[in-house]
Amino acid sequence: MKKIVVVDDSQAELQLIESYLKAAHYSVVTIPGTDKLEEKIAVEKPDLIVMDVVMPGRNGFQACRDLKSDERFKKIPIVLCTSKGQESDKFWGQQQGANGHVVKPFKSEELLQVVKLALS
């Protein structure tokens, strides 16, 4: 079973995404924000990270860039999950190393399609 870490500062979003992923038979670990993210990722060793962009402190773009520049984590695919849906936002996410992009609000099928693609 593939393990996915979900990073978001909103408890409601964490629960929603977790329910979609669990229904698709993924193992899910939720992390409320980017504080000590690298320590938590090192422990969990996920197959994929789904991460919000707009968060207090370090945002998802910054956290994605930090993870992708770390030898321990650079091979883990990251899907950015955000209300920022402009082409420039998608481009910026790719520049930070993101492997996929889902725009909120989204349907479970949209999320699962991007997750499946990022894992392949």
Protein backbone atom coordinates (compact mmCIF):
# COMPACT_ATOMS: atom_id res chain seq x y z
CA MET A 1 0.00 0.00 0.00
CA LYS A 2 1.39 3.40 -1.00
CA LYS A 3 1.87 5.92 1.82
CA ILE A 4 0.90 9.54 1.23
CA VAL A 5 1.69 12.43 3.55
CA VAL A 6 -0.80 15.33 3.38
CA VAL A 7 0.44 18.75 4.52
CA ASP A 8 -2.11 21.53 5.10
CA ASP A 9 -2.74 24.10 7.83
CA SER A 10 -6.53 23.56 7.59
CA GLN A 11 -7.89 20.66 9.65
CA ALA A 12 -10.97 20.49 7.39
CA GLU A 13 -8.80 20.19 4.26
CA LEU A 14 -6.61 17.53 5.91
CA GLN A 15 -9.70 15.47 6.75
CA LEU A 16 -11.23 15.90 3.29
CA ILE A 17 -8.07 14.90 1.41
CA GLU A 18 -7.41 12.05 3.84
CA SER A 19 -10.94 10.67 3.26
CA TYR A 20 -10.51 10.78 -0.54
CA LEU A 21 -7.12 9.04 -0.40
CA LYS A 22 -8.18 6.39 2.15
CA ALA A 23 -11.24 5.57 0.04
CA ALA A 24 -8.78 4.87 -2.81
CA HIS A 25 -6.82 2.49 -0.52
CA TYR A 26 -3.81 4.67 0.23
CA SER A 27 -2.17 4.80 3.64
CA VAL A 28 -2.41 8.45 4.79
CA VAL A 29 -0.50 10.52 7.35
CA THR A 30 -1.59 14.13 7.93
CA ILE A 31 0.76 16.93 8.99
CA PRO A 32 -0.75 20.30 10.06
CA GLY A 33 1.68 22.76 8.43
CA THR A 34 5.34 22.90 7.48
CA ASP A 35 6.85 23.22 10.97
CA LYS A 36 9.51 20.48 11.38
CA LEU A 37 8.34 19.01 8.05
CA GLU A 38 11.69 17.45 7.11
CA GLU A 39 11.89 15.62 10.47
CA LYS A 40 8.38 14.22 10.00
CA ILE A 41 9.00 13.22 6.37
CA ALA A 42 12.23 11.45 7.40
CA VAL A 43 10.24 9.36 9.90
CA GLU A 44 7.24 8.63 7.65
CA LYS A 45 9.17 7.89 4.40
CA PRO A 46 6.13 8.51 2.16
CA ASP A 47 5.73 7.48 -1.48
CA LEU A 48 4.11 10.87 -2.22
CA ILE A 49 3.43 14.23 -0.56
CA VAL A 50 0.24 16.24 -1.17
CA MET A 51 0.84 19.80 0.06
CA ASP A 52 -1.14 23.01 0.34
CA VAL A 53 0.56 26.17 -0.93
CA VAL A 54 -0.94 28.95 1.20
CA MET A 55 0.16 28.28 4.79
CA PRO A 56 1.53 30.48 7.57
CA GLY A 57 5.30 30.50 8.01
CA ARG A 58 6.89 28.50 5.20
CA ASN A 59 4.47 28.16 2.30
CA GLY A 60 4.09 25.10 0.07
CA PHE A 61 6.28 26.52 -2.71
CA GLN A 62 9.13 27.10 -0.24
CA ALA A 63 8.66 23.71 1.45
CA CYS A 64 8.58 21.97 -1.95
CA ARG A 65 11.81 23.68 -2.98
CA ASP A 66 13.45 22.78 0.36
CA LEU A 67 12.43 19.10 0.07
CA LYS A 68 13.52 18.83 -3.57
CA SER A 69 16.93 20.31 -2.77
CA ASP A 70 17.50 17.77 0.05
CA GLU A 71 19.18 14.52 -1.08
CA ARG A 72 17.02 12.50 1.34
CA PHE A 73 13.72 13.67 -0.14
CA LYS A 74 14.30 14.84 -3.71
CA LYS A 75 12.92 11.63 -5.26
CA ILE A 76 9.58 11.84 -3.40
CA PRO A 77 6.90 13.20 -5.78
CA ILE A 78 5.03 16.28 -4.52
CA VAL A 79 1.54 17.32 -5.60
CA LEU A 80 0.65 20.91 -4.75
CA CYS A 81 -2.97 21.35 -3.74
CA THR A 82 -4.02 24.99 -3.78
CA SER A 83 -6.62 27.63 -4.50
CA LYS A 84 -3.99 29.29 -6.72
CA GLY A 85 -5.03 28.06 -10.15
CA GLN A 86 -3.41 30.49 -12.56
CA GLU A 87 -0.99 29.12 -15.18
CA SER A 88 1.73 31.19 -13.50
CA ASP A 89 1.05 29.36 -10.20
CA LYS A 90 1.33 25.96 -11.90
CA PHE A 91 4.53 27.10 -13.63
CA TRP A 92 5.98 28.39 -10.35
CA GLY A 93 5.10 25.08 -8.65
CA GLN A 94 6.92 23.15 -11.40
CA GLN A 95 9.92 25.48 -10.98
CA GLN A 96 10.01 24.50 -7.28
CA GLY A 97 10.03 20.81 -8.23
CA ALA A 98 6.34 19.90 -7.89
CA ASN A 99 5.22 16.80 -9.81
CA GLY A 100 1.56 17.77 -9.99
CA HIS A 101 -0.98 20.49 -9.21
CA VAL A 102 -4.61 20.30 -8.07
CA VAL A 103 -6.76 23.43 -7.77
CA LYS A 104 -9.16 23.79 -4.81
CA PRO A 105 -12.02 23.16 -4.70
CA PHE A 106 -11.59 19.82 -6.44
CA LYS A 107 -13.49 16.57 -6.83
CA SER A 108 -12.01 13.36 -5.46
CA GLU A 109 -11.53 12.06 -9.04
CA GLU A 110 -9.35 15.07 -9.92
CA LEU A 111 -7.12 14.58 -6.88
CA LEU A 112 -6.84 10.81 -7.41
CA GLN A 113 -5.95 11.24 -11.08
CA VAL A 114 -3.10 13.65 -10.28
CA VAL A 115 -1.90 11.43 -7.39
CA LYS A 116 -1.91 8.32 -9.61
CA LEU A 117 0.04 10.17 -12.32
CA ALA A 118 2.61 11.48 -9.82
CA LEU A 119 3.12 7.98 -8.41
CA SER A 120 3.65 6.37 -11.83
